[in-house]
PDB file of all heavy atoms in Angstrom:
ATOM      1  N   ASP A   1      15.371 -59.824 179.948  1.00  0.00           N
ATOM      2  CA  ASP A   1      16.260 -60.983 179.953  1.00  0.00           C
ATOM      3  C   ASP A   1      17.027 -61.110 181.265  1.00  0.00           C
ATOM      4  O   ASP A   1      17.834 -62.045 181.418  1.00  0.00           O
ATOM      5  CB  ASP A   1      17.271 -60.870 178.799  1.00  0.00           C
ATOM      6  CG  ASP A   1      16.574 -60.898 177.439  1.00  0.00           C
ATOM      7  OD1 ASP A   1      15.515 -61.553 177.338  1.00  0.00           O
ATOM      8  OD2 ASP A   1      17.089 -60.270 176.492  1.00  0.00           O
ATOM      9  N   SER A   2      16.802 -60.197 182.197  1.00  0.00           N
ATOM     10  CA  SER A   2      17.522 -60.236 183.473  1.00  0.00           C
ATOM     11  C   SER A   2      16.824 -61.177 184.448  1.00  0.00           C
ATOM     12  O   SER A   2      15.733 -61.684 184.187  1.00  0.00           O
ATOM     13  CB  SER A   2      17.609 -58.834 184.068  1.00  0.00           C
ATOM     14  OG  SER A   2      16.305 -58.335 184.321  1.00  0.00           O
ATOM     15  N   ASP A   3      17.483 -61.417 185.582  1.00  0.00           N
ATOM     16  CA  ASP A   3      16.939 -62.315 186.603  1.00  0.00           C
ATOM     17  C   ASP A   3      15.739 -61.687 187.300  1.00  0.00           C
ATOM     18  O   ASP A   3      15.604 -60.458 187.381  1.00  0.00           O
ATOM     19  CB  ASP A   3      18.016 -62.644 187.643  1.00  0.00           C
ATOM     20  CG  ASP A   3      19.184 -63.402 187.038  1.00  0.00           C
ATOM     21  OD1 ASP A   3      18.950 -64.130 186.054  1.00  0.00           O
ATOM     22  OD2 ASP A   3      20.313 -63.257 187.543  1.00  0.00           O
ATOM     23  N   ASN A   4      14.879 -62.531 187.840  1.00  0.00           N
ATOM     24  CA  ASN A   4      13.761 -62.063 188.651  1.00  0.00           C
ATOM     25  C   ASN A   4      14.275 -61.595 190.012  1.00  0.00           C
ATOM     26  O   ASN A   4      15.325 -62.028 190.482  1.00  0.00           O
ATOM     27  CB  ASN A   4      12.730 -63.173 188.841  1.00  0.00           C
ATOM     28  CG  ASN A   4      12.022 -63.510 187.546  1.00  0.00           C
ATOM     29  OD1 ASN A   4      11.778 -62.641 186.715  1.00  0.00           O
ATOM     30  ND2 ASN A   4      11.690 -64.790 187.358  1.00  0.00           N
ATOM     31  N   GLY A   5      13.499 -60.730 190.639  1.00  0.00           N
ATOM     32  CA  GLY A   5      13.840 -60.259 191.971  1.00  0.00           C
ATOM     33  C   GLY A   5      14.655 -58.987 192.003  1.00  0.00           C
ATOM     34  O   GLY A   5      15.046 -58.523 193.083  1.00  0.00           O
ATOM     35  N   LEU A   6      14.937 -58.384 190.843  1.00  0.00           N
ATOM     36  CA  LEU A   6      15.758 -57.171 190.828  1.00  0.00           C
ATOM     37  C   LEU A   6      15.074 -56.010 191.540  1.00  0.00           C
ATOM     38  O   LEU A   6      15.721 -55.239 192.256  1.00  0.00           O
ATOM     39  CB  LEU A   6      16.098 -56.773 189.390  1.00  0.00           C
ATOM     40  CG  LEU A   6      17.001 -57.718 188.592  1.00  0.00           C
ATOM     41  CD1 LEU A   6      17.408 -57.064 187.274  1.00  0.00           C
ATOM     42  CD2 LEU A   6      18.235 -58.108 189.388  1.00  0.00           C
ATOM     43  N   PHE A   7      13.776 -55.868 191.348  1.00  0.00           N
ATOM     44  CA  PHE A   7      13.081 -54.746 191.975  1.00  0.00           C
ATOM     45  C   PHE A   7      13.085 -54.886 193.497  1.00  0.00           C
ATOM     46  O   PHE A   7      13.289 -53.904 194.217  1.00  0.00           O
ATOM     47  CB  PHE A   7      11.650 -54.646 191.454  1.00  0.00           C
ATOM     48  CG  PHE A   7      11.561 -54.163 190.028  1.00  0.00           C
ATOM     49  CD1 PHE A   7      10.575 -54.632 189.176  1.00  0.00           C
ATOM     50  CD2 PHE A   7      12.462 -53.237 189.539  1.00  0.00           C
ATOM     51  CE1 PHE A   7      10.493 -54.185 187.869  1.00  0.00           C
ATOM     52  CE2 PHE A   7      12.389 -52.775 188.226  1.00  0.00           C
ATOM     53  CZ  PHE A   7      11.395 -53.256 187.391  1.00  0.00           C
ATOM     54  N   GLU A   8      12.860 -56.101 193.995  1.00  0.00           N
ATOM     55  CA  GLU A   8      12.905 -56.311 195.442  1.00  0.00           C
ATOM     56  C   GLU A   8      14.302 -55.982 195.980  1.00  0.00           C
ATOM     57  O   GLU A   8      14.450 -55.336 197.026  1.00  0.00           O
ATOM     58  CB  GLU A   8      12.547 -57.758 195.786  1.00  0.00           C
ATOM     59  CG  GLU A   8      11.098 -58.120 195.555  1.00  0.00           C
ATOM     60  CD  GLU A   8      10.819 -58.570 194.121  1.00  0.00           C
ATOM     61  OE1 GLU A   8      11.674 -58.315 193.240  1.00  0.00           O
ATOM     62  OE2 GLU A   8       9.748 -59.172 193.897  1.00  0.00           O
ATOM     63  N   PHE A   9      15.313 -56.395 195.250  1.00  0.00           N
ATOM     64  CA  PHE A   9      16.692 -56.121 195.641  1.00  0.00           C
ATOM     65  C   PHE A   9      16.953 -54.616 195.686  1.00  0.00           C
ATOM     66  O   PHE A   9      17.569 -54.089 196.634  1.00  0.00           O
ATOM     67  CB  PHE A   9      17.633 -56.797 194.637  1.00  0.00           C
ATOM     68  CG  PHE A   9      19.089 -56.575 194.893  1.00  0.00           C
ATOM     69  CD1 PHE A   9      19.702 -57.107 196.014  1.00  0.00           C
ATOM     70  CD2 PHE A   9      19.848 -55.814 194.005  1.00  0.00           C
ATOM     71  CE1 PHE A   9      21.063 -56.900 196.253  1.00  0.00           C
ATOM     72  CE2 PHE A   9      21.206 -55.608 194.231  1.00  0.00           C
ATOM     73  CZ  PHE A   9      21.808 -56.148 195.361  1.00  0.00           C
ATOM     74  N   MET A  10      16.472 -53.896 194.700  1.00  0.00           N
ATOM     75  CA  MET A  10      16.704 -52.454 194.623  1.00  0.00           C
ATOM     76  C   MET A  10      15.940 -51.704 195.712  1.00  0.00           C
ATOM     77  O   MET A  10      16.468 -50.771 196.324  1.00  0.00           O
ATOM     78  CB  MET A  10      16.306 -51.943 193.237  1.00  0.00           C
ATOM     79  CG  MET A  10      17.135 -52.548 192.106  1.00  0.00           C
ATOM     80  SD  MET A  10      16.452 -52.221 190.457  1.00  0.00           S
ATOM     81  CE  MET A  10      16.923 -50.506 190.245  1.00  0.00           C
ATOM     82  N   VAL A  11      14.693 -52.092 195.967  1.00  0.00           N
ATOM     83  CA  VAL A  11      13.908 -51.418 197.003  1.00  0.00           C
ATOM     84  C   VAL A  11      14.550 -51.624 198.371  1.00  0.00           C
ATOM     85  O   VAL A  11      14.667 -50.681 199.173  1.00  0.00           O
ATOM     86  CB  VAL A  11      12.457 -51.919 196.984  1.00  0.00           C
ATOM     87  CG1 VAL A  11      11.695 -51.408 198.201  1.00  0.00           C
ATOM     88  CG2 VAL A  11      11.742 -51.475 195.712  1.00  0.00           C
ATOM     89  N   LEU A  12      14.990 -52.841 198.663  1.00  0.00           N
ATOM     90  CA  LEU A  12      15.634 -53.085 199.953  1.00  0.00           C
ATOM     91  C   LEU A  12      16.955 -52.330 200.075  1.00  0.00           C
ATOM     92  O   LEU A  12      17.311 -51.849 201.163  1.00  0.00           O
ATOM     93  CB  LEU A  12      15.871 -54.582 200.136  1.00  0.00           C
ATOM     94  CG  LEU A  12      14.621 -55.440 200.378  1.00  0.00           C
ATOM     95  CD1 LEU A  12      14.998 -56.876 200.670  1.00  0.00           C
ATOM     96  CD2 LEU A  12      13.775 -54.888 201.509  1.00  0.00           C
ATOM     97  N   GLU A  13      17.693 -52.211 198.987  1.00  0.00           N
ATOM     98  CA  GLU A  13      18.921 -51.418 199.025  1.00  0.00           C
ATOM     99  C   GLU A  13      18.610 -49.948 199.304  1.00  0.00           C
ATOM    100  O   GLU A  13      19.337 -49.279 200.052  1.00  0.00           O
ATOM    101  CB  GLU A  13      19.661 -51.553 197.693  1.00  0.00           C
ATOM    102  CG  GLU A  13      20.469 -52.825 197.554  1.00  0.00           C
ATOM    103  CD  GLU A  13      21.651 -52.854 198.493  1.00  0.00           C
ATOM    104  OE1 GLU A  13      22.523 -51.961 198.419  1.00  0.00           O
ATOM    105  OE2 GLU A  13      21.706 -53.781 199.342  1.00  0.00           O
ATOM    106  N   LEU A  14      17.553 -49.442 198.708  1.00  0.00           N
ATOM    107  CA  LEU A  14      17.171 -48.054 198.961  1.00  0.00           C
ATOM    108  C   LEU A  14      16.774 -47.872 200.426  1.00  0.00           C
ATOM    109  O   LEU A  14      17.160 -46.877 201.058  1.00  0.00           O
ATOM    110  CB  LEU A  14      16.027 -47.644 198.040  1.00  0.00           C
ATOM    111  CG  LEU A  14      15.465 -46.226 198.244  1.00  0.00           C
ATOM    112  CD1 LEU A  14      16.559 -45.169 198.043  1.00  0.00           C
ATOM    113  CD2 LEU A  14      14.297 -45.966 197.306  1.00  0.00           C
ATOM    114  N   ILE A  15      16.008 -48.812 200.952  1.00  0.00           N
ATOM    115  CA  ILE A  15      15.604 -48.723 202.357  1.00  0.00           C
ATOM    116  C   ILE A  15      16.839 -48.783 203.261  1.00  0.00           C
ATOM    117  O   ILE A  15      16.941 -48.042 204.252  1.00  0.00           O
ATOM    118  CB  ILE A  15      14.605 -49.845 202.692  1.00  0.00           C
ATOM    119  CG1 ILE A  15      13.290 -49.619 201.933  1.00  0.00           C
ATOM    120  CG2 ILE A  15      14.357 -49.910 204.189  1.00  0.00           C
ATOM    121  CD1 ILE A  15      12.288 -50.746 202.094  1.00  0.00           C
ATOM    122  N   ARG A  16      17.773 -49.649 202.923  1.00  0.00           N
ATOM    123  CA  ARG A  16      18.975 -49.806 203.743  1.00  0.00           C
ATOM    124  C   ARG A  16      19.821 -48.534 203.742  1.00  0.00           C
ATOM    125  O   ARG A  16      20.435 -48.182 204.750  1.00  0.00           O
ATOM    126  CB  ARG A  16      19.786 -50.992 203.231  1.00  0.00           C
ATOM    127  CG  ARG A  16      20.996 -51.356 204.084  1.00  0.00           C
ATOM    128  CD  ARG A  16      21.618 -52.656 203.619  1.00  0.00           C
ATOM    129  NE  ARG A  16      22.195 -52.533 202.298  1.00  0.00           N
ATOM    130  CZ  ARG A  16      23.436 -52.078 202.058  1.00  0.00           C
ATOM    131  NH1 ARG A  16      24.198 -51.697 203.061  1.00  0.00           N
ATOM    132  NH2 ARG A  16      23.900 -52.025 200.826  1.00  0.00           N
ATOM    133  N   ARG A  17      19.853 -47.829 202.593  1.00  0.00           N
ATOM    134  CA  ARG A  17      20.696 -46.631 202.488  1.00  0.00           C
ATOM    135  C   ARG A  17      19.880 -45.339 202.550  1.00  0.00           C
ATOM    136  O   ARG A  17      20.369 -44.263 202.177  1.00  0.00           O
ATOM    137  CB  ARG A  17      21.466 -46.658 201.178  1.00  0.00           C
ATOM    138  CG  ARG A  17      22.415 -47.834 201.026  1.00  0.00           C
ATOM    139  CD  ARG A  17      23.234 -47.639 199.768  1.00  0.00           C
ATOM    140  NE  ARG A  17      23.178 -48.801 198.896  1.00  0.00           N
ATOM    141  CZ  ARG A  17      23.655 -48.828 197.660  1.00  0.00           C
ATOM    142  NH1 ARG A  17      24.195 -47.736 197.150  1.00  0.00           N
ATOM    143  NH2 ARG A  17      23.576 -49.913 196.933  1.00  0.00           N
ATOM    144  N   ALA A  18      18.647 -45.424 202.978  1.00  0.00           N
ATOM    145  CA  ALA A  18      17.767 -44.250 202.984  1.00  0.00           C
ATOM    146  C   ALA A  18      18.335 -43.115 203.813  1.00  0.00           C
ATOM    147  O   ALA A  18      18.170 -41.932 203.483  1.00  0.00           O
ATOM    148  CB  ALA A  18      16.385 -44.636 203.496  1.00  0.00           C
ATOM    149  N   GLY A  19      19.025 -43.447 204.912  1.00  0.00           N
ATOM    150  CA  GLY A  19      19.585 -42.406 205.765  1.00  0.00           C
ATOM    151  C   GLY A  19      20.598 -41.536 205.062  1.00  0.00           C
ATOM    152  O   GLY A  19      20.752 -40.347 205.407  1.00  0.00           O
ATOM    153  N   ASP A  20      21.283 -42.070 204.044  1.00  0.00           N
ATOM    154  CA  ASP A  20      22.263 -41.266 203.305  1.00  0.00           C
ATOM    155  C   ASP A  20      21.610 -40.150 202.513  1.00  0.00           C
ATOM    156  O   ASP A  20      22.288 -39.174 202.151  1.00  0.00           O
ATOM    157  CB  ASP A  20      23.056 -42.168 202.350  1.00  0.00           C
ATOM    158  CG  ASP A  20      23.834 -43.253 203.075  1.00  0.00           C
ATOM    159  OD1 ASP A  20      24.059 -43.102 204.296  1.00  0.00           O
ATOM    160  OD2 ASP A  20      24.189 -44.262 202.438  1.00  0.00           O
ATOM    161  N   PHE A  21      20.341 -40.299 202.236  1.00  0.00           N
ATOM    162  CA  PHE A  21      19.628 -39.290 201.447  1.00  0.00           C
ATOM    163  C   PHE A  21      18.571 -38.555 202.279  1.00  0.00           C
ATOM    164  O   PHE A  21      17.781 -37.789 201.733  1.00  0.00           O
ATOM    165  CB  PHE A  21      18.954 -39.961 200.247  1.00  0.00           C
ATOM    166  CG  PHE A  21      19.913 -40.573 199.273  1.00  0.00           C
ATOM    167  CD1 PHE A  21      20.372 -41.872 199.442  1.00  0.00           C
ATOM    168  CD2 PHE A  21      20.392 -39.847 198.193  1.00  0.00           C
ATOM    169  CE1 PHE A  21      21.263 -42.439 198.551  1.00  0.00           C
ATOM    170  CE2 PHE A  21      21.289 -40.408 197.299  1.00  0.00           C
ATOM    171  CZ  PHE A  21      21.744 -41.702 197.482  1.00  0.00           C
ATOM    172  N   GLY A  22      18.568 -38.788 203.586  1.00  0.00           N
ATOM    173  CA  GLY A  22      17.611 -38.123 204.459  1.00  0.00           C
ATOM    174  C   GLY A  22      16.180 -38.560 204.237  1.00  0.00           C
ATOM    175  O   GLY A  22      15.242 -37.789 204.462  1.00  0.00           O
ATOM    176  N   VAL A  23      15.988 -39.813 203.798  1.00  0.00           N
ATOM    177  CA  VAL A  23      14.654 -40.320 203.479  1.00  0.00           C
ATOM    178  C   VAL A  23      14.118 -41.133 204.654  1.00  0.00           C
ATOM    179  O   VAL A  23      14.803 -42.027 205.177  1.00  0.00           O
ATOM    180  CB  VAL A  23      14.692 -41.192 202.207  1.00  0.00           C
ATOM    181  CG1 VAL A  23      13.337 -41.837 201.955  1.00  0.00           C
ATOM    182  CG2 VAL A  23      15.104 -40.345 201.009  1.00  0.00           C
ATOM    183  N   THR A  24      12.900 -40.837 205.070  1.00  0.00           N
ATOM    184  CA  THR A  24      12.257 -41.572 206.153  1.00  0.00           C
ATOM    185  C   THR A  24      10.990 -42.312 205.723  1.00  0.00           C
ATOM    186  O   THR A  24      10.444 -43.094 206.499  1.00  0.00           O
ATOM    187  CB  THR A  24      11.887 -40.618 207.302  1.00  0.00           C
ATOM    188  OG1 THR A  24      10.950 -39.643 206.818  1.00  0.00           O
ATOM    189  CG2 THR A  24      13.128 -39.904 207.832  1.00  0.00           C
ATOM    190  N   GLN A  25      10.513 -42.069 204.504  1.00  0.00           N
ATOM    191  CA  GLN A  25       9.302 -42.742 204.035  1.00  0.00           C
ATOM    192  C   GLN A  25       9.335 -42.888 202.519  1.00  0.00           C
ATOM    193  O   GLN A  25       9.850 -42.027 201.813  1.00  0.00           O
ATOM    194  CB  GLN A  25       8.040 -42.002 204.476  1.00  0.00           C
ATOM    195  CG  GLN A  25       7.998 -40.539 204.079  1.00  0.00           C
ATOM    196  CD  GLN A  25       6.817 -39.797 204.660  1.00  0.00           C
ATOM    197  OE1 GLN A  25       5.903 -40.396 205.211  1.00  0.00           O
ATOM    198  NE2 GLN A  25       6.816 -38.471 204.519  1.00  0.00           N
ATOM    199  N   LEU A  26       8.778 -44.006 202.048  1.00  0.00           N
ATOM    200  CA  LEU A  26       8.728 -44.316 200.624  1.00  0.00           C
ATOM    201  C   LEU A  26       7.289 -44.568 200.217  1.00  0.00           C
ATOM    202  O   LEU A  26       6.557 -45.295 200.902  1.00  0.00           O
ATOM    203  CB  LEU A  26       9.544 -45.572 200.302  1.00  0.00           C
ATOM    204  CG  LEU A  26      11.067 -45.508 200.356  1.00  0.00           C
ATOM    205  CD1 LEU A  26      11.631 -46.884 200.016  1.00  0.00           C
ATOM    206  CD2 LEU A  26      11.597 -44.468 199.392  1.00  0.00           C
ATOM    207  N   SER A  27       6.890 -43.988 199.093  1.00  0.00           N
ATOM    208  CA  SER A  27       5.592 -44.294 198.495  1.00  0.00           C
ATOM    209  C   SER A  27       5.828 -45.192 197.292  1.00  0.00           C
ATOM    210  O   SER A  27       6.520 -44.804 196.350  1.00  0.00           O
ATOM    211  CB  SER A  27       4.881 -43.007 198.057  1.00  0.00           C
ATOM    212  OG  SER A  27       3.725 -43.310 197.289  1.00  0.00           O
ATOM    213  N   LEU A  28       5.292 -46.402 197.350  1.00  0.00           N
ATOM    214  CA  LEU A  28       5.462 -47.361 196.271  1.00  0.00           C
ATOM    215  C   LEU A  28       4.240 -47.349 195.360  1.00  0.00           C
ATOM    216  O   LEU A  28       3.515 -46.360 195.295  1.00  0.00           O
ATOM    217  CB  LEU A  28       5.726 -48.748 196.861  1.00  0.00           C
ATOM    218  CG  LEU A  28       6.973 -48.841 197.748  1.00  0.00           C
ATOM    219  CD1 LEU A  28       7.133 -50.249 198.312  1.00  0.00           C
ATOM    220  CD2 LEU A  28       8.230 -48.442 196.979  1.00  0.00           C
ATOM    221  N   ASN A  29       3.993 -48.443 194.701  1.00  0.00           N
ATOM    222  CA  ASN A  29       2.906 -48.491 193.715  1.00  0.00           C
ATOM    223  C   ASN A  29       1.531 -48.363 194.348  1.00  0.00           C
ATOM    224  O   ASN A  29       1.333 -48.638 195.545  1.00  0.00           O
ATOM    225  CB  ASN A  29       2.976 -49.803 192.927  1.00  0.00           C
ATOM    226  CG  ASN A  29       3.876 -49.683 191.714  1.00  0.00           C
ATOM    227  OD1 ASN A  29       3.872 -48.671 191.041  1.00  0.00           O
ATOM    228  ND2 ASN A  29       4.651 -50.718 191.454  1.00  0.00           N
ATOM    229  N   PHE A  30       0.591 -47.999 193.531  1.00  0.00           N
ATOM    230  CA  PHE A  30      -0.822 -47.925 193.908  1.00  0.00           C
ATOM    231  C   PHE A  30      -1.485 -49.269 193.631  1.00  0.00           C
ATOM    232  O   PHE A  30      -1.317 -49.834 192.554  1.00  0.00           O
ATOM    233  CB  PHE A  30      -1.508 -46.821 193.104  1.00  0.00           C
ATOM    234  CG  PHE A  30      -2.997 -46.780 193.263  1.00  0.00           C
ATOM    235  CD1 PHE A  30      -3.571 -46.314 194.427  1.00  0.00           C
ATOM    236  CD2 PHE A  30      -3.823 -47.219 192.242  1.00  0.00           C
ATOM    237  CE1 PHE A  30      -4.951 -46.268 194.573  1.00  0.00           C
ATOM    238  CE2 PHE A  30      -5.192 -47.170 192.373  1.00  0.00           C
ATOM    239  CZ  PHE A  30      -5.764 -46.703 193.544  1.00  0.00           C
ATOM    240  N   ALA A  31      -2.200 -49.791 194.604  1.00  0.00           N
ATOM    241  CA  ALA A  31      -2.884 -51.077 194.462  1.00  0.00           C
ATOM    242  C   ALA A  31      -4.384 -50.824 194.334  1.00  0.00           C
ATOM    243  O   ALA A  31      -5.057 -50.518 195.326  1.00  0.00           O
ATOM    244  CB  ALA A  31      -2.599 -51.987 195.653  1.00  0.00           C
ATOM    245  N   MET A  32      -4.900 -50.933 193.113  1.00  0.00           N
ATOM    246  CA  MET A  32      -6.319 -50.697 192.885  1.00  0.00           C
ATOM    247  C   MET A  32      -7.146 -51.836 193.485  1.00  0.00           C
ATOM    248  O   MET A  32      -6.794 -53.014 193.347  1.00  0.00           O
ATOM    249  CB  MET A  32      -6.587 -50.567 191.386  1.00  0.00           C
ATOM    250  CG  MET A  32      -8.016 -50.223 191.042  1.00  0.00           C
ATOM    251  SD  MET A  32      -8.238 -49.877 189.271  1.00  0.00           S
ATOM    252  CE  MET A  32      -7.426 -48.298 189.141  1.00  0.00           C
ATOM    253  N   PHE A  33      -8.229 -51.473 194.167  1.00  0.00           N
ATOM    254  CA  PHE A  33      -9.155 -52.426 194.783  1.00  0.00           C
ATOM    255  C   PHE A  33      -8.425 -53.359 195.757  1.00  0.00           C
ATOM    256  O   PHE A  33      -8.754 -54.540 195.875  1.00  0.00           O
ATOM    257  CB  PHE A  33      -9.884 -53.253 193.714  1.00  0.00           C
ATOM    258  CG  PHE A  33     -10.590 -52.424 192.680  1.00  0.00           C
ATOM    259  CD1 PHE A  33     -10.260 -52.525 191.344  1.00  0.00           C
ATOM    260  CD2 PHE A  33     -11.594 -51.540 193.038  1.00  0.00           C
ATOM    261  CE1 PHE A  33     -10.910 -51.769 190.385  1.00  0.00           C
ATOM    262  CE2 PHE A  33     -12.253 -50.771 192.093  1.00  0.00           C
ATOM    263  CZ  PHE A  33     -11.904 -50.883 190.764  1.00  0.00           C
ATOM    264  N   ARG A  34      -7.446 -52.812 196.466  1.00  0.00           N
ATOM    265  CA  ARG A  34      -6.676 -53.616 197.409  1.00  0.00           C
ATOM    266  C   ARG A  34      -7.555 -54.275 198.467  1.00  0.00           C
ATOM    267  O   ARG A  34      -7.378 -55.452 198.811  1.00  0.00           O
ATOM    268  CB  ARG A  34      -5.627 -52.717 198.072  1.00  0.00           C
ATOM    269  CG  ARG A  34      -4.562 -53.445 198.881  1.00  0.00           C
ATOM    270  CD  ARG A  34      -4.922 -53.668 200.343  1.00  0.00           C
ATOM    271  NE  ARG A  34      -5.429 -52.496 200.997  1.00  0.00           N
ATOM    272  CZ  ARG A  34      -5.838 -52.487 202.258  1.00  0.00           C
ATOM    273  NH1 ARG A  34      -5.833 -53.591 202.976  1.00  0.00           N
ATOM    274  NH2 ARG A  34      -6.329 -51.384 202.805  1.00  0.00           N
ATOM    275  N   ALA A  35      -8.535 -53.545 198.979  1.00  0.00           N
ATOM    276  CA  ALA A  35      -9.392 -54.081 200.030  1.00  0.00           C
ATOM    277  C   ALA A  35     -10.184 -55.291 199.551  1.00  0.00           C
ATOM    278  O   ALA A  35     -10.469 -56.209 200.328  1.00  0.00           O
ATOM    279  CB  ALA A  35     -10.344 -52.995 200.536  1.00  0.00           C
TER     280      ALA A  35
END
């Protein structure tokens, strides 16, 4: 029942604050047959 776009908002917030947690790379979802 929540608004769309929450996941995009959360991922960008994590990227923005990644330095606070010593994070330099993120592995997101697996895309089957992406090619």
